[in-house]
């Protein structure tokens, strides 16, 4: 066996074993774990569903969380361990192991000529995500939506292949894709990007008018329960959550409170996950050269410099990051707080990080419509959110980049191993921090 092949196996089993070890030792690499973390209010929600009918539980004034109640409804109906905390933790832990499987299936469909061992190693990179691990270890809600998103993307890829062979595609697979992509929103509102991508991809590729009408009708029908939920709660999250998070824009009455500073922080967060993806570009050095001589790219970099100049002139950095914030803003804010006591230095380093990250995002995005759409979507939701949390980007940005980004990928031993080492360092750093 070659050294490269042996190394692939070592890294693969190292990642998988670390996931099991993390669960055994109650790892909390994202700060939301532990028995005093988010699982405490999840347990209260579980008790609400245990002691009430499903409808009464959904409208219960004590129901709390940032996501729709589908997770609780499904578990109450089919999971016999739902009401036993440690057993429920184990079910979420096991369920979370299916995401790498579907990520592999998508990568295998997309990069069918690539060495399968490289794709296998890439598929377990999701298990290095501090937020995915914490959710899997502590029965949090995030991984349901991520798994559903991966299954939806897999089915979308199958549909697009069917459509390329048959203009009408396979009706059963098509309907299943629509149902599962819609469920993503019922697991996590932020994942509305998944049905949006499925909708535009399918409408664009299908030539059969009846199939297009079917897609529109099914999505309208599947949106009705969520619209009713918004009516019931008076917003996209439960009333108790709206009261607890008055600064987040969860209903139309708060639409004026947009957080444009979050564009900069969102850029740093996306760049963290897109940087290793850039290394998968074919002819990387030539791509770098072409990027910096392109007039459009130079103009976009100048726009980001103007944005930063406006922040320096008009924005109260200390009030926002010290007085108003107690959590969130991602790794750049945390690193600057660790390294510098001076607000001035923290502000300068933060804005430099904005600029460098903007270049990384531009390089990864290119001129491709699907890439621009994904990045724009996360910029859009970032200005609505307070506090802005890194968990909103981890690991979904990496997943979308590997599965949906349009780019000339060159997957080899070196860039695959680099990606694993890169995110391993991030995981170790997160564990040390928390």
Protein backbone atom coordinates (compact mmCIF):
# COMPACT_ATOMS: atom_id res chain seq x y z
CA UNK A 1 0.00 0.00 0.00
CA UNK A 2 1.37 3.43 -0.96
CA UNK A 3 2.19 6.11 1.61
CA UNK A 4 -0.56 8.36 0.21
CA UNK A 5 -3.18 5.62 0.47
CA UNK A 6 -2.11 4.78 4.02
CA UNK A 7 -2.28 8.47 4.93
CA UNK A 8 -5.83 8.73 3.56
CA UNK A 9 -6.95 5.82 5.74
CA UNK A 10 -5.20 7.25 8.81
CA UNK A 11 -6.88 10.64 8.36
CA UNK A 12 -10.27 9.04 7.65
CA UNK A 13 -10.30 6.79 10.70
CA UNK A 14 -8.77 9.58 12.79
CA UNK A 15 -11.70 11.89 11.97
CA UNK A 16 -14.34 9.20 12.56
CA UNK A 17 -12.77 8.00 15.82
CA UNK A 18 -12.49 11.61 17.05
CA UNK A 19 -16.25 11.93 16.56
CA UNK A 20 -16.93 8.90 18.78
CA UNK A 21 -14.34 10.01 21.34
CA UNK A 22 -15.90 13.48 21.45
CA UNK A 23 -19.29 12.01 22.27
CA UNK A 24 -17.85 9.70 24.94
CA UNK A 25 -16.07 12.59 26.69
CA UNK A 26 -18.98 15.07 26.35
CA UNK A 27 -17.07 17.42 24.07
CA UNK A 28 -18.34 21.00 23.84
CA UNK A 29 -16.43 22.55 20.95
CA UNK A 30 -19.03 25.20 20.04
CA UNK A 31 -19.93 26.57 23.45
CA UNK A 32 -23.59 25.54 23.25
CA UNK A 33 -23.05 22.02 24.60
CA UNK A 34 -23.03 20.65 28.13
CA UNK A 35 -25.97 19.96 30.40
CA UNK A 36 -26.28 23.69 31.14
CA UNK A 37 -26.17 24.61 27.44
CA UNK A 38 -28.91 24.65 24.82
CA UNK A 39 -30.03 21.15 25.73
CA UNK A 40 -31.62 22.66 28.87
CA UNK A 41 -34.28 24.54 26.88
CA UNK A 42 -34.59 21.68 24.40
CA UNK A 43 -35.45 19.43 27.34
CA UNK A 44 -38.18 21.88 28.36
CA UNK A 45 -39.57 21.75 24.80
CA UNK A 46 -39.53 17.96 24.93
CA UNK A 47 -41.52 18.08 28.17
CA UNK A 48 -44.05 20.39 26.52
CA UNK A 49 -44.57 17.85 23.71
CA UNK A 50 -44.72 15.04 26.24
CA UNK A 51 -47.47 16.64 28.30
CA UNK A 52 -49.57 18.22 25.53
CA UNK A 53 -51.12 17.35 22.20
CA UNK A 54 -48.98 18.26 19.20
CA UNK A 55 -51.15 21.27 18.29
CA UNK A 56 -51.23 22.59 21.87
CA UNK A 57 -47.49 22.06 22.21
CA UNK A 58 -46.77 24.07 19.06
CA UNK A 59 -48.78 27.05 20.31
CA UNK A 60 -47.68 26.66 23.96
CA UNK A 61 -46.46 30.07 25.25
CA UNK A 62 -43.41 28.39 26.83
CA UNK A 63 -42.25 26.75 23.59
CA UNK A 64 -38.84 28.25 22.80
CA UNK A 65 -36.31 27.96 19.99
CA UNK A 66 -35.15 29.36 16.68
CA UNK A 67 -36.62 26.61 14.52
CA UNK A 68 -40.04 25.19 13.59
CA UNK A 69 -41.38 22.28 15.66
CA UNK A 70 -41.03 19.50 13.05
CA UNK A 71 -38.09 17.97 14.94
CA UNK A 72 -40.22 17.53 18.07
CA UNK A 73 -43.25 16.30 16.13
CA UNK A 74 -41.32 13.59 14.26
CA UNK A 75 -39.50 12.42 17.38
CA UNK A 76 -42.69 12.30 19.41
CA UNK A 77 -44.35 10.17 16.71
CA UNK A 78 -41.57 7.70 15.87
CA UNK A 79 -38.72 7.90 18.39
CA UNK A 80 -39.31 5.68 21.48
CA UNK A 81 -36.29 7.27 23.20
CA UNK A 82 -37.42 10.88 22.75
CA UNK A 83 -38.41 11.39 26.38
CA UNK A 84 -35.23 9.84 27.85
CA UNK A 85 -32.47 12.43 27.60
CA UNK A 86 -29.38 10.22 27.37
CA UNK A 87 -31.01 7.83 24.91
CA UNK A 88 -32.26 10.75 22.85
CA UNK A 89 -28.71 12.14 22.78
CA UNK A 90 -27.57 8.81 21.37
CA UNK A 91 -30.20 8.84 18.62
CA UNK A 92 -29.13 12.31 17.45
CA UNK A 93 -25.49 11.20 17.62
CA UNK A 94 -26.22 8.19 15.39
CA UNK A 95 -28.48 10.16 13.06
CA UNK A 96 -25.68 12.68 12.53
CA UNK A 97 -23.45 9.93 11.13
CA UNK A 98 -25.66 9.73 8.03
CA UNK A 99 -24.65 13.19 6.77
CA UNK A 100 -21.15 12.09 5.69
CA UNK A 101 -22.79 9.17 3.84
CA UNK A 102 -25.00 11.45 1.77
CA UNK A 103 -22.19 13.95 1.28
CA UNK A 104 -20.12 11.10 -0.16
CA UNK A 105 -22.97 10.03 -2.45
CA UNK A 106 -23.29 13.59 -3.79
CA UNK A 107 -19.53 13.92 -4.31
CA UNK A 108 -19.46 10.52 -6.02
CA UNK A 109 -22.21 11.64 -8.40
CA UNK A 110 -20.55 14.96 -9.08
CA UNK A 111 -16.91 13.87 -9.31
CA UNK A 112 -17.35 10.35 -10.67
CA UNK A 113 -13.89 10.37 -12.27
CA UNK A 114 -12.15 11.31 -9.01
CA UNK A 115 -10.36 8.82 -6.78
CA UNK A 116 -13.06 7.41 -4.47
CA UNK A 117 -10.70 7.49 -1.48
CA UNK A 118 -10.27 11.25 -1.78
CA UNK A 119 -14.05 11.69 -1.89
CA UNK A 120 -14.46 9.41 1.14
CA UNK A 121 -12.05 11.56 3.12
CA UNK A 122 -13.74 14.77 1.96
CA UNK A 123 -17.12 13.41 3.04
CA UNK A 124 -16.08 13.07 6.71
CA UNK A 125 -14.83 16.67 6.86
CA UNK A 126 -18.29 17.56 8.15
CA UNK A 127 -17.47 15.61 11.34
CA UNK A 128 -14.75 18.18 12.09
CA UNK A 129 -17.27 21.00 12.33
CA UNK A 130 -17.46 22.19 15.97
CA UNK A 131 -21.12 23.07 15.54
CA UNK A 132 -22.08 19.85 13.80
CA UNK A 133 -20.30 17.84 16.50
CA UNK A 134 -21.84 19.80 19.36
CA UNK A 135 -25.30 19.39 17.87
CA UNK A 136 -24.69 15.67 17.39
CA UNK A 137 -23.33 15.18 20.90
CA UNK A 138 -25.89 17.27 22.79
CA UNK A 139 -29.13 16.52 20.91
CA UNK A 140 -29.38 20.05 19.49
CA UNK A 141 -31.52 20.83 16.45
CA UNK A 142 -29.09 21.85 13.71
CA UNK A 143 -28.14 18.45 12.29
CA UNK A 144 -31.67 17.49 11.27
CA UNK A 145 -31.75 20.32 8.76
CA UNK A 146 -28.22 19.65 7.50
CA UNK A 147 -28.99 15.97 6.90
CA UNK A 148 -32.25 16.86 5.14
CA UNK A 149 -30.38 19.40 3.00
CA UNK A 150 -27.83 16.78 1.94
CA UNK A 151 -30.54 14.26 1.05
CA UNK A 152 -32.34 16.98 -0.94
CA UNK A 153 -29.18 17.91 -2.86
CA UNK A 154 -28.52 14.22 -3.58
CA UNK A 155 -32.04 13.80 -4.97
CA UNK A 156 -31.68 17.04 -6.95
CA UNK A 157 -28.50 15.70 -8.57
CA UNK A 158 -30.31 12.47 -9.47
CA UNK A 159 -33.20 14.46 -10.94
CA UNK A 160 -30.89 16.62 -13.02
CA UNK A 161 -29.25 13.49 -14.41
CA UNK A 162 -32.67 11.99 -15.21
CA UNK A 163 -33.77 15.23 -16.87
CA UNK A 164 -30.63 15.25 -19.04
CA UNK A 165 -31.69 11.83 -20.36
CA UNK A 166 -35.44 12.45 -20.37
CA UNK A 167 -36.96 15.91 -20.64
CA UNK A 168 -39.77 15.07 -18.19
CA UNK A 169 -37.51 13.40 -15.64
CA UNK A 170 -38.70 10.86 -13.06
CA UNK A 171 -41.94 12.06 -11.42
CA UNK A 172 -41.47 10.07 -8.19
CA UNK A 173 -37.93 11.37 -7.62
CA UNK A 174 -39.08 14.85 -8.57
CA UNK A 175 -41.91 14.89 -6.00
CA UNK A 176 -39.65 13.38 -3.34
CA UNK A 177 -37.10 16.13 -3.98
CA UNK A 178 -39.76 18.81 -3.59
CA UNK A 179 -41.06 17.30 -0.33
CA UNK A 180 -37.64 16.83 1.29
CA UNK A 181 -36.31 20.22 0.18
CA UNK A 182 -39.43 21.83 1.68
CA UNK A 183 -38.85 19.91 4.91
CA UNK A 184 -35.48 21.68 5.21
CA UNK A 185 -37.39 24.88 6.02
CA UNK A 186 -39.48 23.04 8.63
CA UNK A 187 -36.24 21.88 10.27
CA UNK A 188 -34.48 25.27 10.00
CA UNK A 189 -35.88 28.43 8.41
CA UNK A 190 -32.43 29.52 7.22
CA UNK A 191 -32.33 26.47 4.96
CA UNK A 192 -34.95 27.98 2.68
CA UNK A 193 -32.01 28.32 0.31
CA UNK A 194 -32.28 24.57 -0.41
CA UNK A 195 -35.83 24.60 -1.87
CA UNK A 196 -34.97 27.84 -3.67
CA UNK A 197 -31.99 26.20 -5.38
CA UNK A 198 -34.04 23.10 -6.18
CA UNK A 199 -36.85 25.24 -7.59
CA UNK A 200 -34.65 27.33 -9.90
CA UNK A 201 -32.52 24.38 -11.02
CA UNK A 202 -35.52 22.21 -11.86
CA UNK A 203 -37.55 24.96 -13.52
CA UNK A 204 -34.55 25.92 -15.64
CA UNK A 205 -33.66 22.36 -16.69
CA UNK A 206 -37.12 20.94 -17.27
CA UNK A 207 -38.68 21.51 -20.69
CA UNK A 208 -42.02 19.87 -19.84
CA UNK A 209 -44.55 22.59 -18.93
CA UNK A 210 -46.70 20.17 -16.90
CA UNK A 211 -43.72 19.29 -14.70
CA UNK A 212 -42.99 22.99 -14.14
CA UNK A 213 -46.59 23.64 -13.09
CA UNK A 214 -46.44 20.59 -10.82
CA UNK A 215 -43.33 21.96 -9.11
CA UNK A 216 -44.95 25.36 -8.48
CA UNK A 217 -48.18 23.82 -7.14
CA UNK A 218 -46.41 21.38 -4.80
CA UNK A 219 -44.17 24.08 -3.36
CA UNK A 220 -47.20 26.35 -2.79
CA UNK A 221 -49.09 23.55 -1.03
CA UNK A 222 -46.07 22.60 1.10
CA UNK A 223 -45.59 26.23 2.17
CA UNK A 224 -49.11 26.53 3.63
CA UNK A 225 -48.36 24.87 7.01
CA UNK A 226 -45.35 27.15 7.50
CA UNK A 227 -47.39 30.25 6.63
CA UNK A 228 -49.99 29.13 9.17
CA UNK A 229 -47.21 28.67 11.73
CA UNK A 230 -46.05 32.25 11.10
CA UNK A 231 -49.63 33.41 11.63
CA UNK A 232 -49.90 31.36 14.84
CA UNK A 233 -46.63 32.69 16.29
CA UNK A 234 -46.82 36.21 14.85
CA UNK A 235 -43.38 35.68 13.33
CA UNK A 236 -41.02 33.01 12.03
CA UNK A 237 -40.05 31.84 15.53
CA UNK A 238 -42.15 31.21 18.67
CA UNK A 239 -43.41 34.25 20.58
CA UNK A 240 -41.17 33.46 23.57
CA UNK A 241 -38.10 33.49 21.31
CA UNK A 242 -39.14 36.82 19.82
CA UNK A 243 -39.35 38.30 23.30
CA UNK A 244 -35.98 36.81 24.31
CA UNK A 245 -34.28 38.06 21.11
CA UNK A 246 -35.81 41.50 20.47
CA UNK A 247 -32.99 42.60 18.15
CA UNK A 248 -33.33 39.78 15.62
CA UNK A 249 -35.67 40.57 12.73
CA UNK A 250 -38.22 37.79 13.14
CA UNK A 251 -41.30 39.70 11.96
CA UNK A 252 -42.12 42.62 9.66
CA UNK A 253 -42.38 45.15 12.50
CA UNK A 254 -38.59 44.91 12.97
CA UNK A 255 -37.58 45.19 9.32
CA UNK A 256 -36.03 48.64 9.79
CA UNK A 257 -33.37 47.26 12.16
CA UNK A 258 -30.91 45.99 9.56
CA UNK A 259 -27.34 45.23 10.70
CA UNK A 260 -25.09 46.21 7.80
CA UNK A 261 -21.98 45.68 9.93
CA UNK A 262 -22.85 41.99 9.77
CA UNK A 263 -21.93 41.96 6.08
CA UNK A 264 -18.29 42.27 7.09
CA UNK A 265 -18.50 39.57 9.75
CA UNK A 266 -20.45 37.28 7.40
CA UNK A 267 -17.64 37.73 4.87
CA UNK A 268 -15.04 36.53 7.38
CA UNK A 269 -17.19 33.54 8.29
CA UNK A 270 -17.78 32.48 4.69
CA UNK A 271 -14.10 32.99 3.84
CA UNK A 272 -13.09 30.61 6.63
CA UNK A 273 -14.88 27.75 4.85
CA UNK A 274 -14.23 28.86 1.28
CA UNK A 275 -10.46 29.33 1.61
CA UNK A 276 -9.55 25.62 1.42
CA UNK A 277 -12.07 25.20 -1.41
CA UNK A 278 -10.12 27.72 -3.50
CA UNK A 279 -7.16 25.34 -3.39
CA UNK A 280 -9.26 22.82 -5.33
CA UNK A 281 -9.28 25.09 -8.38
CA UNK A 282 -7.55 23.83 -11.49
CA UNK A 283 -4.57 26.01 -12.49
CA UNK A 284 -4.68 27.82 -9.17
CA UNK A 285 -1.73 30.12 -9.86
CA UNK A 286 -3.19 31.20 -13.18
CA UNK A 287 -6.57 31.76 -11.51
CA UNK A 288 -4.90 34.02 -8.93
CA UNK A 289 -3.16 36.00 -11.63
CA UNK A 290 -6.35 36.38 -13.66
CA UNK A 291 -8.26 37.47 -10.58
CA UNK A 292 -6.02 40.43 -9.77
CA UNK A 293 -5.84 41.74 -13.32
CA UNK A 294 -9.60 41.61 -13.80
CA UNK A 295 -11.11 45.11 -13.72
CA UNK A 296 -14.43 43.91 -12.26
CA UNK A 297 -12.64 42.26 -9.35
CA UNK A 298 -10.62 45.41 -8.70
CA UNK A 299 -13.85 47.43 -8.69
CA UNK A 300 -15.48 45.04 -6.23
CA UNK A 301 -12.44 45.24 -3.94
CA UNK A 302 -12.68 49.06 -4.08
CA UNK A 303 -16.36 48.81 -3.08
CA UNK A 304 -15.37 46.78 -0.03
CA UNK A 305 -12.76 49.42 0.87
CA UNK A 306 -15.45 52.12 0.63
CA UNK A 307 -17.69 49.98 2.87
CA UNK A 308 -14.90 49.72 5.45
CA UNK A 309 -14.21 53.47 5.21
CA UNK A 310 -17.89 54.16 5.93
CA UNK A 311 -17.75 51.86 8.96
CA UNK A 312 -14.69 53.69 10.29
CA UNK A 313 -16.37 57.07 9.81
CA UNK A 314 -19.92 56.28 10.94
CA UNK A 315 -19.93 53.09 13.01
CA UNK A 316 -19.42 52.84 16.78
CA UNK A 317 -17.26 49.71 16.85
CA UNK A 318 -16.81 49.60 20.64
CA UNK A 319 -20.51 49.96 21.40
CA UNK A 320 -21.47 47.18 18.99
CA UNK A 321 -18.76 44.65 19.88
CA UNK A 322 -18.37 45.33 23.60
CA UNK A 323 -21.43 47.07 25.04
CA UNK A 324 -24.13 45.38 22.92
CA UNK A 325 -22.63 41.96 22.18
CA UNK A 326 -22.00 39.15 24.64
CA UNK A 327 -21.87 36.26 22.15
CA UNK A 328 -21.43 35.73 18.43
CA UNK A 329 -19.63 37.51 15.56
CA UNK A 330 -17.40 34.52 14.91
CA UNK A 331 -13.73 33.73 15.12
CA UNK A 332 -12.32 37.15 14.10
CA UNK A 333 -14.01 38.90 17.02
CA UNK A 334 -12.82 36.21 19.44
CA UNK A 335 -9.22 36.24 18.19
CA UNK A 336 -8.93 40.02 18.37
CA UNK A 337 -10.33 40.01 21.91
CA UNK A 338 -7.75 37.41 22.95
CA UNK A 339 -4.80 39.15 21.31
CA UNK A 340 -5.52 42.85 21.86
CA UNK A 341 -6.76 44.97 24.73
CA UNK A 342 -6.84 48.09 22.58
CA UNK A 343 -10.21 48.77 20.92
CA UNK A 344 -8.37 50.69 18.20
CA UNK A 345 -6.17 47.70 17.29
CA UNK A 346 -9.13 45.34 17.43
CA UNK A 347 -11.06 47.58 15.05
CA UNK A 348 -8.18 47.88 12.56
CA UNK A 349 -7.48 44.13 12.55
CA UNK A 350 -11.18 43.38 12.16
CA UNK A 351 -11.52 45.65 9.14
CA UNK A 352 -8.37 44.20 7.57
CA UNK A 353 -9.93 40.76 8.06
CA UNK A 354 -13.05 42.03 6.29
CA UNK A 355 -10.95 43.08 3.28
CA UNK A 356 -8.88 39.89 3.02
CA UNK A 357 -11.98 37.74 3.50
CA UNK A 358 -13.81 39.68 0.78
CA UNK A 359 -11.02 38.79 -1.65
CA UNK A 360 -11.29 35.11 -0.65
CA UNK A 361 -15.06 35.12 -1.17
CA UNK A 362 -14.71 36.82 -4.56
CA UNK A 363 -12.09 34.30 -5.68
CA UNK A 364 -14.26 31.36 -4.63
CA UNK A 365 -17.43 32.79 -6.13
CA UNK A 366 -16.19 33.93 -9.52
CA UNK A 367 -18.85 34.91 -12.05
CA UNK A 368 -21.00 31.81 -11.63
CA UNK A 369 -24.67 32.52 -10.93
CA UNK A 370 -25.22 29.67 -8.47
CA UNK A 371 -22.16 30.72 -6.44
CA UNK A 372 -23.26 34.35 -6.37
CA UNK A 373 -26.79 33.34 -5.37
CA UNK A 374 -25.55 31.26 -2.40
CA UNK A 375 -23.18 33.97 -1.15
CA UNK A 376 -25.78 36.73 -1.63
CA UNK A 377 -28.34 34.69 0.33
CA UNK A 378 -26.05 34.43 3.36
CA UNK A 379 -25.29 38.13 3.16
CA UNK A 380 -29.03 38.81 3.13
CA UNK A 381 -29.82 36.73 6.21
CA UNK A 382 -26.78 38.12 8.03
CA UNK A 383 -28.19 41.67 8.08
CA UNK A 384 -31.40 40.33 9.66
CA UNK A 385 -29.75 38.41 12.50
CA UNK A 386 -28.67 39.50 15.95
CA UNK A 387 -26.55 38.09 17.37
CA UNK A 388 -24.76 36.84 14.26
CA UNK A 389 -23.48 33.37 15.12
CA UNK A 390 -20.80 31.27 13.42
CA UNK A 391 -23.11 28.25 13.62
CA UNK A 392 -25.25 29.82 10.87
CA UNK A 393 -22.34 29.24 8.46
CA UNK A 394 -20.72 26.09 9.84
CA UNK A 395 -20.70 23.60 8.14
CA UNK A 396 -23.37 24.59 5.59
CA UNK A 397 -21.07 26.90 3.59
CA UNK A 398 -18.53 24.11 3.10
CA UNK A 399 -21.30 21.67 2.15
CA UNK A 400 -22.82 24.03 -0.43
CA UNK A 401 -19.39 24.84 -1.88
CA UNK A 402 -18.44 21.18 -2.33
CA UNK A 403 -21.81 20.07 -3.66
CA UNK A 404 -23.24 23.03 -5.59
CA UNK A 405 -20.53 25.59 -6.36
CA UNK A 406 -19.75 25.78 -10.05
CA UNK A 407 -15.96 25.65 -10.28
CA UNK A 408 -13.29 23.64 -12.08
CA UNK A 409 -12.43 21.35 -9.20
CA UNK A 410 -9.15 19.47 -9.10
CA UNK A 411 -9.36 17.02 -6.19
CA UNK A 412 -6.07 15.35 -5.33
CA UNK A 413 -4.24 13.96 -2.31
CA UNK A 414 -2.62 17.22 -1.24
CA UNK A 415 -5.62 19.58 -1.28
CA UNK A 416 -7.86 16.93 0.30
CA UNK A 417 -5.44 16.32 3.17
CA UNK A 418 -4.91 20.07 3.56
CA UNK A 419 -8.66 20.58 3.97
CA UNK A 420 -8.80 17.90 6.70
CA UNK A 421 -5.80 19.35 8.55
CA UNK A 422 -7.18 22.88 8.17
CA UNK A 423 -10.51 22.01 9.78
CA UNK A 424 -8.82 19.79 12.39
CA UNK A 425 -6.85 22.83 13.55
CA UNK A 426 -10.07 24.83 13.66
CA UNK A 427 -11.73 22.11 15.77
CA UNK A 428 -8.78 21.90 18.17
CA UNK A 429 -8.77 25.70 18.50
CA UNK A 430 -12.50 25.70 19.26
CA UNK A 431 -12.06 23.06 21.95
CA UNK A 432 -9.22 25.00 23.54
CA UNK A 433 -11.27 28.21 23.45
CA UNK A 434 -14.36 26.71 25.11
